[in-house]
N, C-alpha and C. Protein backbone atom coordinates (compact mmCIF):
# COMPACT_ATOMS: atom_id res chain seq x y z
N MET A 1 15.76 4.85 7.81
CA MET A 1 16.80 5.79 7.46
C MET A 1 16.23 7.19 7.32
N SER A 2 15.72 7.77 8.34
CA SER A 2 15.16 9.10 8.21
C SER A 2 16.28 10.12 8.15
N GLY A 3 16.07 11.19 7.39
CA GLY A 3 17.07 12.24 7.22
C GLY A 3 17.69 12.18 5.83
N LEU A 4 17.88 13.34 5.23
CA LEU A 4 18.38 13.42 3.86
C LEU A 4 19.76 12.80 3.72
N LEU A 5 20.63 13.02 4.71
CA LEU A 5 22.00 12.53 4.61
C LEU A 5 22.09 11.01 4.70
N ARG A 6 21.06 10.37 5.24
CA ARG A 6 21.07 8.91 5.35
C ARG A 6 20.56 8.22 4.09
N LEU A 7 20.01 8.98 3.16
CA LEU A 7 19.53 8.39 1.91
C LEU A 7 20.71 8.12 0.99
N ASN A 8 20.52 7.17 0.07
CA ASN A 8 21.57 6.95 -0.92
C ASN A 8 21.55 8.07 -1.96
N GLU A 9 22.55 8.11 -2.80
CA GLU A 9 22.71 9.24 -3.73
C GLU A 9 21.54 9.39 -4.70
N PRO A 10 21.03 8.32 -5.33
CA PRO A 10 19.86 8.50 -6.21
C PRO A 10 18.64 9.05 -5.47
N ALA A 11 18.45 8.61 -4.22
CA ALA A 11 17.30 9.10 -3.44
C ALA A 11 17.47 10.57 -3.11
N ARG A 12 18.68 10.98 -2.74
CA ARG A 12 18.92 12.41 -2.45
C ARG A 12 18.67 13.27 -3.68
N GLN A 13 19.14 12.79 -4.82
CA GLN A 13 18.92 13.56 -6.05
C GLN A 13 17.44 13.68 -6.38
N ALA A 14 16.69 12.60 -6.17
CA ALA A 14 15.26 12.64 -6.44
C ALA A 14 14.55 13.61 -5.52
N VAL A 15 14.98 13.67 -4.26
CA VAL A 15 14.37 14.60 -3.30
C VAL A 15 14.65 16.04 -3.70
N VAL A 16 15.90 16.34 -4.01
CA VAL A 16 16.28 17.70 -4.39
C VAL A 16 15.53 18.14 -5.65
N LYS A 17 15.37 17.21 -6.59
CA LYS A 17 14.67 17.52 -7.83
C LYS A 17 13.18 17.80 -7.59
N ALA A 18 12.60 17.14 -6.58
CA ALA A 18 11.16 17.28 -6.30
C ALA A 18 10.82 18.56 -5.55
N LEU A 19 11.80 19.16 -4.87
CA LEU A 19 11.52 20.33 -4.04
C LEU A 19 11.31 21.58 -4.87
N MET A 20 10.39 22.42 -4.41
CA MET A 20 10.21 23.75 -4.99
C MET A 20 11.26 24.68 -4.39
N PRO A 21 11.50 25.82 -5.01
CA PRO A 21 12.45 26.78 -4.43
C PRO A 21 12.02 27.19 -3.02
N ALA A 22 12.98 27.19 -2.10
CA ALA A 22 12.76 27.61 -0.70
C ALA A 22 11.71 26.76 0.00
N GLU A 23 11.59 25.49 -0.37
CA GLU A 23 10.65 24.58 0.28
C GLU A 23 11.42 23.73 1.28
N PRO A 24 11.20 23.93 2.57
CA PRO A 24 12.00 23.21 3.56
C PRO A 24 11.54 21.76 3.76
N ILE A 25 12.50 20.90 4.01
CA ILE A 25 12.22 19.50 4.32
C ILE A 25 11.90 19.39 5.81
N ILE A 26 10.73 18.83 6.13
CA ILE A 26 10.36 18.59 7.52
C ILE A 26 10.72 17.17 7.92
N PHE A 27 10.48 16.23 7.01
CA PHE A 27 10.79 14.82 7.29
C PHE A 27 11.03 14.12 5.96
N VAL A 28 12.05 13.27 5.92
CA VAL A 28 12.31 12.48 4.72
C VAL A 28 12.88 11.13 5.15
N THR A 29 12.43 10.08 4.49
CA THR A 29 12.92 8.74 4.81
C THR A 29 12.71 7.81 3.62
N ALA A 30 13.48 6.74 3.61
CA ALA A 30 13.26 5.64 2.68
C ALA A 30 12.67 4.49 3.50
N PRO A 31 11.50 3.98 3.14
CA PRO A 31 10.91 2.89 3.91
C PRO A 31 11.84 1.68 3.94
N ASP A 32 11.80 0.94 5.02
CA ASP A 32 12.60 -0.27 5.14
C ASP A 32 11.90 -1.41 4.40
N PRO A 33 12.55 -2.00 3.38
CA PRO A 33 11.89 -3.04 2.58
C PRO A 33 11.46 -4.25 3.41
N ARG A 34 12.29 -4.67 4.38
CA ARG A 34 11.94 -5.85 5.17
C ARG A 34 10.71 -5.60 6.03
N GLU A 35 10.63 -4.39 6.61
CA GLU A 35 9.47 -4.07 7.44
C GLU A 35 8.21 -3.92 6.60
N ALA A 36 8.35 -3.35 5.41
CA ALA A 36 7.19 -3.25 4.51
C ALA A 36 6.69 -4.63 4.12
N ALA A 37 7.64 -5.56 3.86
CA ALA A 37 7.24 -6.93 3.52
C ALA A 37 6.57 -7.61 4.69
N ARG A 38 7.10 -7.40 5.92
CA ARG A 38 6.46 -8.00 7.10
C ARG A 38 5.02 -7.52 7.25
N GLY A 39 4.79 -6.25 6.97
CA GLY A 39 3.45 -5.69 7.08
C GLY A 39 2.46 -6.29 6.09
N ALA A 40 2.98 -6.89 5.00
CA ALA A 40 2.10 -7.46 3.97
C ALA A 40 1.85 -8.94 4.19
N TRP A 41 2.47 -9.55 5.22
CA TRP A 41 2.27 -10.99 5.44
C TRP A 41 0.83 -11.39 5.74
N PRO A 42 0.04 -10.59 6.48
CA PRO A 42 -1.37 -10.98 6.67
C PRO A 42 -2.13 -11.11 5.34
N THR A 43 -1.83 -10.22 4.39
CA THR A 43 -2.46 -10.31 3.08
C THR A 43 -2.04 -11.59 2.37
N ALA A 44 -0.73 -11.92 2.47
CA ALA A 44 -0.25 -13.14 1.84
C ALA A 44 -0.88 -14.38 2.48
N ALA A 45 -1.05 -14.35 3.80
CA ALA A 45 -1.68 -15.48 4.50
C ALA A 45 -3.13 -15.66 4.06
N ALA A 46 -3.83 -14.54 3.91
CA ALA A 46 -5.22 -14.62 3.43
C ALA A 46 -5.27 -15.18 2.01
N GLY A 47 -4.30 -14.78 1.19
CA GLY A 47 -4.23 -15.32 -0.17
C GLY A 47 -3.95 -16.80 -0.18
N GLY A 48 -3.04 -17.25 0.70
CA GLY A 48 -2.75 -18.68 0.80
C GLY A 48 -3.96 -19.48 1.21
N LEU A 49 -4.71 -18.95 2.17
CA LEU A 49 -5.92 -19.64 2.62
C LEU A 49 -6.95 -19.72 1.50
N LEU A 50 -7.09 -18.62 0.76
CA LEU A 50 -8.04 -18.61 -0.36
C LEU A 50 -7.63 -19.62 -1.42
N ALA A 51 -6.34 -19.71 -1.72
CA ALA A 51 -5.86 -20.66 -2.73
C ALA A 51 -6.05 -22.10 -2.26
N VAL A 52 -5.72 -22.37 -0.99
CA VAL A 52 -5.85 -23.74 -0.47
C VAL A 52 -7.31 -24.19 -0.43
N LEU A 53 -8.18 -23.30 0.00
CA LEU A 53 -9.60 -23.67 0.07
C LEU A 53 -10.26 -23.73 -1.31
N GLY A 54 -9.80 -22.87 -2.21
CA GLY A 54 -10.43 -22.82 -3.53
C GLY A 54 -9.94 -23.86 -4.50
N ALA A 55 -8.69 -24.35 -4.32
CA ALA A 55 -8.12 -25.29 -5.29
C ALA A 55 -8.93 -26.59 -5.42
N PRO A 56 -9.33 -27.25 -4.32
CA PRO A 56 -10.13 -28.47 -4.49
C PRO A 56 -11.46 -28.21 -5.19
N ILE A 57 -12.09 -27.09 -4.84
CA ILE A 57 -13.38 -26.77 -5.47
C ILE A 57 -13.18 -26.51 -6.96
N ALA A 58 -12.10 -25.78 -7.30
CA ALA A 58 -11.83 -25.51 -8.71
C ALA A 58 -11.55 -26.81 -9.46
N PHE A 59 -10.77 -27.70 -8.84
CA PHE A 59 -10.46 -28.98 -9.48
C PHE A 59 -11.73 -29.79 -9.74
N LEU A 60 -12.58 -29.90 -8.72
CA LEU A 60 -13.82 -30.66 -8.88
C LEU A 60 -14.75 -30.02 -9.91
N ALA A 61 -14.81 -28.69 -9.91
CA ALA A 61 -15.68 -28.00 -10.87
C ALA A 61 -15.19 -28.21 -12.30
N LEU A 62 -13.88 -28.11 -12.52
CA LEU A 62 -13.34 -28.32 -13.86
C LEU A 62 -13.50 -29.78 -14.30
N GLN A 63 -13.35 -30.69 -13.35
CA GLN A 63 -13.57 -32.11 -13.66
C GLN A 63 -15.02 -32.36 -14.04
N ALA A 64 -15.93 -31.69 -13.33
CA ALA A 64 -17.36 -31.84 -13.65
C ALA A 64 -17.68 -31.27 -15.03
N VAL A 65 -17.05 -30.14 -15.37
CA VAL A 65 -17.25 -29.55 -16.70
C VAL A 65 -16.76 -30.53 -17.77
N TRP A 66 -15.56 -31.08 -17.56
CA TRP A 66 -15.00 -32.05 -18.51
C TRP A 66 -15.91 -33.27 -18.67
N ASN A 67 -16.38 -33.82 -17.56
CA ASN A 67 -17.25 -34.99 -17.62
C ASN A 67 -18.56 -34.68 -18.34
N SER A 68 -19.09 -33.47 -18.09
CA SER A 68 -20.35 -33.08 -18.75
C SER A 68 -20.15 -32.94 -20.25
N LEU A 69 -19.00 -32.40 -20.65
CA LEU A 69 -18.72 -32.26 -22.08
C LEU A 69 -18.47 -33.62 -22.73
N TRP A 70 -17.77 -34.47 -22.02
CA TRP A 70 -17.36 -35.75 -22.61
C TRP A 70 -18.50 -36.78 -22.60
N TYR A 71 -19.19 -36.86 -21.46
CA TYR A 71 -20.22 -37.89 -21.32
C TYR A 71 -21.64 -37.34 -21.46
N GLY A 72 -21.75 -36.05 -21.52
CA GLY A 72 -23.07 -35.43 -21.61
C GLY A 72 -23.62 -35.16 -20.22
N GLY A 73 -24.40 -34.15 -20.11
CA GLY A 73 -24.97 -33.78 -18.81
C GLY A 73 -25.11 -32.27 -18.71
N ALA A 74 -25.69 -31.85 -17.62
CA ALA A 74 -25.92 -30.41 -17.41
C ALA A 74 -24.59 -29.69 -17.19
N LEU A 75 -24.41 -28.59 -17.91
CA LEU A 75 -23.16 -27.82 -17.83
C LEU A 75 -23.27 -26.58 -16.96
N SER A 76 -24.48 -26.09 -16.75
CA SER A 76 -24.63 -24.77 -16.12
C SER A 76 -24.03 -24.70 -14.72
N PHE A 77 -24.33 -25.68 -13.88
CA PHE A 77 -23.81 -25.63 -12.50
C PHE A 77 -22.29 -25.82 -12.45
N PRO A 78 -21.70 -26.81 -13.14
CA PRO A 78 -20.24 -26.93 -13.11
C PRO A 78 -19.52 -25.69 -13.65
N ILE A 79 -20.06 -25.11 -14.71
CA ILE A 79 -19.42 -23.91 -15.28
C ILE A 79 -19.51 -22.75 -14.29
N ALA A 80 -20.67 -22.61 -13.65
CA ALA A 80 -20.82 -21.53 -12.66
C ALA A 80 -19.83 -21.70 -11.52
N MET A 81 -19.67 -22.94 -11.04
CA MET A 81 -18.71 -23.19 -9.95
C MET A 81 -17.28 -22.92 -10.40
N ALA A 82 -16.96 -23.32 -11.63
CA ALA A 82 -15.61 -23.09 -12.15
C ALA A 82 -15.33 -21.60 -12.30
N LEU A 83 -16.33 -20.84 -12.72
CA LEU A 83 -16.15 -19.39 -12.89
C LEU A 83 -15.97 -18.68 -11.56
N ILE A 84 -16.40 -19.29 -10.49
CA ILE A 84 -16.19 -18.71 -9.15
C ILE A 84 -14.87 -19.20 -8.56
N ALA A 85 -14.63 -20.51 -8.63
CA ALA A 85 -13.48 -21.10 -7.93
C ALA A 85 -12.15 -20.79 -8.59
N VAL A 86 -12.07 -20.85 -9.91
CA VAL A 86 -10.78 -20.63 -10.59
C VAL A 86 -10.27 -19.20 -10.36
N PRO A 87 -11.09 -18.15 -10.56
CA PRO A 87 -10.59 -16.81 -10.24
C PRO A 87 -10.21 -16.64 -8.77
N ALA A 88 -10.93 -17.33 -7.87
CA ALA A 88 -10.59 -17.24 -6.45
C ALA A 88 -9.20 -17.80 -6.18
N VAL A 89 -8.88 -18.93 -6.82
CA VAL A 89 -7.55 -19.52 -6.65
C VAL A 89 -6.48 -18.59 -7.23
N LEU A 90 -6.73 -18.04 -8.41
CA LEU A 90 -5.77 -17.12 -9.03
C LEU A 90 -5.56 -15.88 -8.17
N MET A 91 -6.66 -15.37 -7.59
CA MET A 91 -6.55 -14.22 -6.69
C MET A 91 -5.75 -14.58 -5.46
N GLY A 92 -5.93 -15.78 -4.93
CA GLY A 92 -5.16 -16.23 -3.78
C GLY A 92 -3.68 -16.23 -4.07
N PHE A 93 -3.29 -16.78 -5.24
CA PHE A 93 -1.87 -16.79 -5.61
C PHE A 93 -1.34 -15.36 -5.78
N TYR A 94 -2.17 -14.49 -6.34
CA TYR A 94 -1.76 -13.08 -6.51
C TYR A 94 -1.52 -12.42 -5.15
N LEU A 95 -2.42 -12.64 -4.20
CA LEU A 95 -2.27 -12.04 -2.88
C LEU A 95 -1.05 -12.59 -2.14
N MET A 96 -0.66 -13.82 -2.45
CA MET A 96 0.51 -14.40 -1.81
C MET A 96 1.80 -13.67 -2.20
N LEU A 97 1.76 -12.90 -3.27
CA LEU A 97 2.92 -12.13 -3.72
C LEU A 97 3.02 -10.77 -3.03
N ALA A 98 2.08 -10.47 -2.13
CA ALA A 98 2.04 -9.14 -1.49
C ALA A 98 3.34 -8.75 -0.78
N PRO A 99 3.98 -9.64 -0.01
CA PRO A 99 5.24 -9.23 0.63
C PRO A 99 6.33 -8.85 -0.37
N HIS A 100 6.43 -9.60 -1.45
CA HIS A 100 7.43 -9.28 -2.48
C HIS A 100 7.12 -7.93 -3.12
N ALA A 101 5.84 -7.69 -3.42
CA ALA A 101 5.45 -6.42 -4.03
C ALA A 101 5.72 -5.25 -3.08
N ALA A 102 5.41 -5.44 -1.79
CA ALA A 102 5.65 -4.38 -0.80
C ALA A 102 7.14 -4.09 -0.66
N GLN A 103 7.95 -5.13 -0.68
CA GLN A 103 9.41 -4.95 -0.58
C GLN A 103 9.94 -4.19 -1.78
N ARG A 104 9.46 -4.54 -2.95
CA ARG A 104 9.91 -3.86 -4.18
C ARG A 104 9.49 -2.39 -4.18
N ARG A 105 8.24 -2.13 -3.75
CA ARG A 105 7.76 -0.74 -3.67
C ARG A 105 8.60 0.08 -2.70
N ALA A 106 8.92 -0.52 -1.54
CA ALA A 106 9.70 0.20 -0.53
C ALA A 106 11.08 0.56 -1.05
N ARG A 107 11.71 -0.35 -1.80
CA ARG A 107 13.04 -0.07 -2.36
C ARG A 107 13.01 1.07 -3.36
N ASP A 108 11.84 1.28 -3.95
CA ASP A 108 11.71 2.29 -5.01
C ASP A 108 11.15 3.61 -4.49
N THR A 109 10.90 3.72 -3.18
CA THR A 109 10.15 4.86 -2.67
C THR A 109 10.95 5.71 -1.68
N VAL A 110 10.74 7.02 -1.78
CA VAL A 110 11.20 7.97 -0.76
C VAL A 110 9.98 8.75 -0.30
N ILE A 111 9.81 8.87 1.01
CA ILE A 111 8.70 9.65 1.57
C ILE A 111 9.24 11.00 2.00
N LEU A 112 8.64 12.05 1.47
CA LEU A 112 9.11 13.41 1.73
C LEU A 112 7.95 14.25 2.24
N ILE A 113 8.17 14.90 3.38
CA ILE A 113 7.18 15.81 3.95
C ILE A 113 7.82 17.17 4.06
N THR A 114 7.18 18.16 3.48
CA THR A 114 7.65 19.54 3.61
C THR A 114 6.58 20.32 4.38
N ASP A 115 6.74 21.64 4.43
CA ASP A 115 5.72 22.44 5.11
C ASP A 115 4.51 22.70 4.23
N ARG A 116 4.51 22.12 3.01
CA ARG A 116 3.41 22.36 2.07
C ARG A 116 2.70 21.09 1.63
N ARG A 117 3.42 19.96 1.64
CA ARG A 117 2.85 18.77 1.02
C ARG A 117 3.55 17.50 1.49
N LEU A 118 2.88 16.38 1.22
CA LEU A 118 3.43 15.05 1.44
C LEU A 118 3.64 14.43 0.07
N MET A 119 4.86 13.91 -0.15
CA MET A 119 5.17 13.32 -1.45
C MET A 119 5.71 11.91 -1.29
N THR A 120 5.31 11.03 -2.17
CA THR A 120 5.96 9.73 -2.30
C THR A 120 6.65 9.74 -3.66
N ILE A 121 7.97 9.65 -3.61
CA ILE A 121 8.80 9.79 -4.80
C ILE A 121 9.27 8.40 -5.23
N SER A 122 9.11 8.11 -6.51
CA SER A 122 9.58 6.83 -7.06
C SER A 122 10.97 7.03 -7.66
N LEU A 123 11.90 6.17 -7.30
CA LEU A 123 13.26 6.25 -7.83
C LEU A 123 13.35 5.69 -9.24
N SER A 124 12.34 4.95 -9.66
CA SER A 124 12.37 4.37 -11.01
C SER A 124 11.76 5.30 -12.05
N GLY A 125 11.39 6.51 -11.64
CA GLY A 125 10.91 7.49 -12.60
C GLY A 125 9.40 7.57 -12.75
N LYS A 126 8.65 6.84 -11.92
CA LYS A 126 7.20 6.97 -11.97
C LYS A 126 6.81 8.36 -11.47
N PRO A 127 5.63 8.85 -11.86
CA PRO A 127 5.23 10.20 -11.41
C PRO A 127 5.19 10.31 -9.89
N ILE A 128 5.60 11.47 -9.39
CA ILE A 128 5.57 11.73 -7.95
C ILE A 128 4.12 11.86 -7.52
N ARG A 129 3.78 11.18 -6.42
CA ARG A 129 2.44 11.32 -5.87
C ARG A 129 2.48 12.40 -4.80
N THR A 130 1.70 13.45 -4.99
CA THR A 130 1.72 14.60 -4.11
C THR A 130 0.37 14.80 -3.44
N LEU A 131 0.40 14.99 -2.12
CA LEU A 131 -0.80 15.35 -1.37
C LEU A 131 -0.56 16.73 -0.77
N PRO A 132 -1.16 17.77 -1.34
CA PRO A 132 -1.04 19.09 -0.72
C PRO A 132 -1.65 19.09 0.67
N ALA A 133 -1.17 19.95 1.52
CA ALA A 133 -1.66 20.02 2.90
C ALA A 133 -3.17 20.21 2.95
N SER A 134 -3.71 20.94 2.00
CA SER A 134 -5.14 21.28 2.04
C SER A 134 -6.06 20.09 1.82
N VAL A 135 -5.55 18.97 1.27
CA VAL A 135 -6.43 17.83 1.00
C VAL A 135 -6.33 16.75 2.07
N ILE A 136 -5.37 16.88 3.00
CA ILE A 136 -5.19 15.84 4.01
C ILE A 136 -6.25 15.98 5.10
N LEU A 137 -6.93 14.88 5.38
CA LEU A 137 -8.02 14.87 6.37
C LEU A 137 -7.61 14.28 7.70
N GLY A 138 -6.67 13.36 7.71
CA GLY A 138 -6.29 12.73 8.96
C GLY A 138 -5.17 11.74 8.78
N VAL A 139 -4.59 11.35 9.89
CA VAL A 139 -3.51 10.36 9.85
C VAL A 139 -3.69 9.41 11.03
N GLU A 140 -3.51 8.12 10.75
CA GLU A 140 -3.66 7.11 11.78
C GLU A 140 -2.41 6.24 11.81
N ARG A 141 -1.87 6.06 13.00
CA ARG A 141 -0.68 5.23 13.16
C ARG A 141 -1.12 3.80 13.40
N ARG A 142 -0.47 2.87 12.70
CA ARG A 142 -0.81 1.46 12.86
C ARG A 142 0.46 0.64 13.06
N LYS A 143 0.37 -0.34 13.89
CA LYS A 143 1.36 -1.39 13.96
C LYS A 143 2.79 -0.87 14.10
N VAL A 144 3.14 -0.35 15.24
CA VAL A 144 4.52 0.06 15.50
C VAL A 144 5.25 -1.12 16.13
N GLU A 145 6.24 -1.64 15.42
CA GLU A 145 7.03 -2.78 15.91
C GLU A 145 8.49 -2.58 15.52
N ARG A 146 9.38 -2.92 16.45
CA ARG A 146 10.83 -2.84 16.22
C ARG A 146 11.26 -1.45 15.77
N GLY A 147 10.53 -0.44 16.21
CA GLY A 147 10.89 0.93 15.85
C GLY A 147 10.35 1.39 14.51
N TYR A 148 9.66 0.52 13.80
CA TYR A 148 9.09 0.87 12.50
C TYR A 148 7.57 0.88 12.61
N GLY A 149 6.93 1.61 11.70
CA GLY A 149 5.48 1.67 11.76
C GLY A 149 4.85 1.94 10.41
N THR A 150 3.54 1.89 10.40
CA THR A 150 2.75 2.16 9.20
C THR A 150 1.79 3.30 9.50
N LEU A 151 1.69 4.23 8.57
CA LEU A 151 0.74 5.34 8.69
C LEU A 151 -0.29 5.23 7.59
N GLU A 152 -1.53 5.49 7.97
CA GLU A 152 -2.60 5.58 6.98
C GLU A 152 -3.04 7.03 6.92
N VAL A 153 -2.82 7.66 5.78
CA VAL A 153 -3.16 9.07 5.59
C VAL A 153 -4.46 9.15 4.82
N ARG A 154 -5.49 9.72 5.43
CA ARG A 154 -6.77 9.93 4.76
C ARG A 154 -6.76 11.30 4.10
N HIS A 155 -7.27 11.34 2.89
CA HIS A 155 -7.27 12.61 2.14
C HIS A 155 -8.44 12.64 1.17
N GLU A 156 -8.69 13.81 0.65
CA GLU A 156 -9.74 13.94 -0.36
C GLU A 156 -9.35 13.14 -1.59
N ALA A 157 -10.32 12.50 -2.20
CA ALA A 157 -10.05 11.66 -3.37
C ALA A 157 -9.71 12.52 -4.57
N ALA A 158 -8.72 12.05 -5.35
CA ALA A 158 -8.35 12.77 -6.57
C ALA A 158 -9.45 12.65 -7.61
N ASP A 159 -10.16 11.52 -7.59
CA ASP A 159 -11.27 11.28 -8.51
C ASP A 159 -12.57 11.23 -7.72
N PRO A 160 -13.33 12.34 -7.70
CA PRO A 160 -14.57 12.37 -6.90
C PRO A 160 -15.57 11.29 -7.28
N GLY A 161 -15.48 10.75 -8.51
CA GLY A 161 -16.40 9.71 -8.93
C GLY A 161 -16.22 8.42 -8.15
N ARG A 162 -15.07 8.24 -7.49
CA ARG A 162 -14.80 7.02 -6.73
C ARG A 162 -15.03 7.22 -5.24
N GLY A 163 -15.61 8.32 -4.85
CA GLY A 163 -15.86 8.59 -3.43
C GLY A 163 -15.22 9.89 -3.02
N ASP A 164 -15.59 10.35 -1.82
CA ASP A 164 -15.10 11.63 -1.33
C ASP A 164 -13.69 11.53 -0.74
N THR A 165 -13.35 10.39 -0.16
CA THR A 165 -12.06 10.26 0.50
C THR A 165 -11.30 9.04 -0.01
N ALA A 166 -9.98 9.05 0.23
CA ALA A 166 -9.12 7.94 -0.14
C ALA A 166 -8.05 7.80 0.94
N GLU A 167 -7.30 6.72 0.89
CA GLU A 167 -6.23 6.49 1.86
C GLU A 167 -4.92 6.24 1.13
N THR A 168 -3.85 6.74 1.70
CA THR A 168 -2.51 6.43 1.24
C THR A 168 -1.79 5.75 2.40
N ILE A 169 -1.24 4.56 2.15
CA ILE A 169 -0.56 3.78 3.17
C ILE A 169 0.94 4.00 3.04
N LEU A 170 1.57 4.37 4.13
CA LEU A 170 3.02 4.54 4.19
C LEU A 170 3.56 3.48 5.15
N ALA A 171 4.20 2.45 4.62
CA ALA A 171 4.62 1.30 5.42
C ALA A 171 6.13 1.26 5.58
N GLY A 172 6.58 0.64 6.68
CA GLY A 172 8.00 0.45 6.91
C GLY A 172 8.76 1.71 7.26
N ILE A 173 8.10 2.64 7.98
CA ILE A 173 8.72 3.93 8.28
C ILE A 173 9.41 3.87 9.63
N ASP A 174 10.69 4.27 9.65
CA ASP A 174 11.35 4.46 10.93
C ASP A 174 10.99 5.86 11.44
N ASP A 175 11.18 6.10 12.72
CA ASP A 175 10.79 7.39 13.31
C ASP A 175 9.34 7.73 12.95
N VAL A 176 8.46 6.73 13.10
CA VAL A 176 7.08 6.89 12.64
C VAL A 176 6.35 7.99 13.41
N LEU A 177 6.70 8.20 14.67
CA LEU A 177 6.04 9.26 15.44
C LEU A 177 6.41 10.64 14.89
N GLU A 178 7.66 10.78 14.49
CA GLU A 178 8.09 12.05 13.89
C GLU A 178 7.37 12.30 12.57
N ALA A 179 7.22 11.23 11.77
CA ALA A 179 6.50 11.37 10.50
C ALA A 179 5.05 11.73 10.74
N GLU A 180 4.44 11.10 11.72
CA GLU A 180 3.04 11.37 12.06
C GLU A 180 2.86 12.82 12.48
N THR A 181 3.77 13.30 13.31
CA THR A 181 3.69 14.69 13.77
C THR A 181 3.88 15.66 12.61
N ALA A 182 4.79 15.33 11.70
CA ALA A 182 5.03 16.20 10.55
C ALA A 182 3.79 16.29 9.67
N ILE A 183 3.10 15.18 9.47
CA ILE A 183 1.88 15.20 8.65
C ILE A 183 0.79 15.99 9.36
N ARG A 184 0.71 15.82 10.69
CA ARG A 184 -0.31 16.53 11.46
C ARG A 184 -0.09 18.05 11.39
N ARG A 185 1.18 18.46 11.37
CA ARG A 185 1.47 19.89 11.35
C ARG A 185 1.50 20.48 9.95
N LEU A 186 1.26 19.64 8.94
CA LEU A 186 1.42 20.08 7.56
C LEU A 186 0.67 21.37 7.23
N SER A 187 -0.57 21.42 7.62
CA SER A 187 -1.41 22.52 7.16
C SER A 187 -1.96 23.35 8.30
N THR A 188 -1.89 24.65 8.12
CA THR A 188 -2.56 25.55 9.07
C THR A 188 -3.96 25.88 8.56
N GLU A 189 -4.21 25.57 7.29
CA GLU A 189 -5.53 25.84 6.73
C GLU A 189 -6.53 24.78 7.15
N ARG A 190 -6.06 23.53 7.23
CA ARG A 190 -6.95 22.43 7.60
C ARG A 190 -6.37 21.75 8.83
N SER A 191 -7.21 21.55 9.84
CA SER A 191 -6.75 20.86 11.03
C SER A 191 -6.74 19.37 10.75
N VAL A 192 -5.57 18.75 10.79
CA VAL A 192 -5.44 17.33 10.52
C VAL A 192 -5.71 16.55 11.80
N THR A 193 -6.67 15.67 11.76
CA THR A 193 -7.07 14.92 12.94
C THR A 193 -6.06 13.83 13.25
N LEU A 194 -5.61 13.79 14.46
CA LEU A 194 -4.71 12.73 14.91
C LEU A 194 -5.54 11.69 15.65
N ILE A 195 -5.55 10.48 15.13
CA ILE A 195 -6.31 9.41 15.75
C ILE A 195 -5.34 8.57 16.55
N GLU A 196 -5.62 8.38 17.81
CA GLU A 196 -4.73 7.59 18.65
C GLU A 196 -4.69 6.15 18.17
N PRO A 197 -3.52 5.54 18.18
CA PRO A 197 -3.40 4.17 17.70
C PRO A 197 -4.14 3.19 18.58
N VAL A 198 -4.61 2.12 17.95
CA VAL A 198 -5.28 1.06 18.69
C VAL A 198 -4.24 0.05 19.10
N HIS A 199 -4.16 -0.25 20.40
CA HIS A 199 -3.16 -1.21 20.91
C HIS A 199 -3.82 -2.56 21.12
């Protein structure tokens, strides 16, 4: 749904509230929740595999811990295995929720590009995430399917202690080529590198 008039009323109000005086809209859209969820399925599949492979190991390790406590025996190896396998299974289940989380995020998000900055606006009242044009280093288009796509925007890290650069993922975007072009043209101060998509 690219374009201000195609947004619902709460999204339009959030966009208008986020704009500075005389700040023109270059591109605005609400990500498609279904497409965002589809993009997260590989993560969910990896989580399922981790849970399936880790569950038997976790079960055997916990059983070994129980037997060692009940009948006596060495505890160090069973406990070490349990401390590895149980968190792995829990992480697998957590990753399996990725499509649901992506869908919920997409429903709550508006992507706004002006001639000064890129913003991801939360409709639930979370702080607006703003990337000024001067911090954007590059944009890469990924996975264009059914007219929707994902963009990875590389930018300077907000917290230098965690590294020099960071990435912001924009998933489920319609008119993804237009969004990519808008991000590339954002700044005249910094040349934003356009990386050709890998097919």
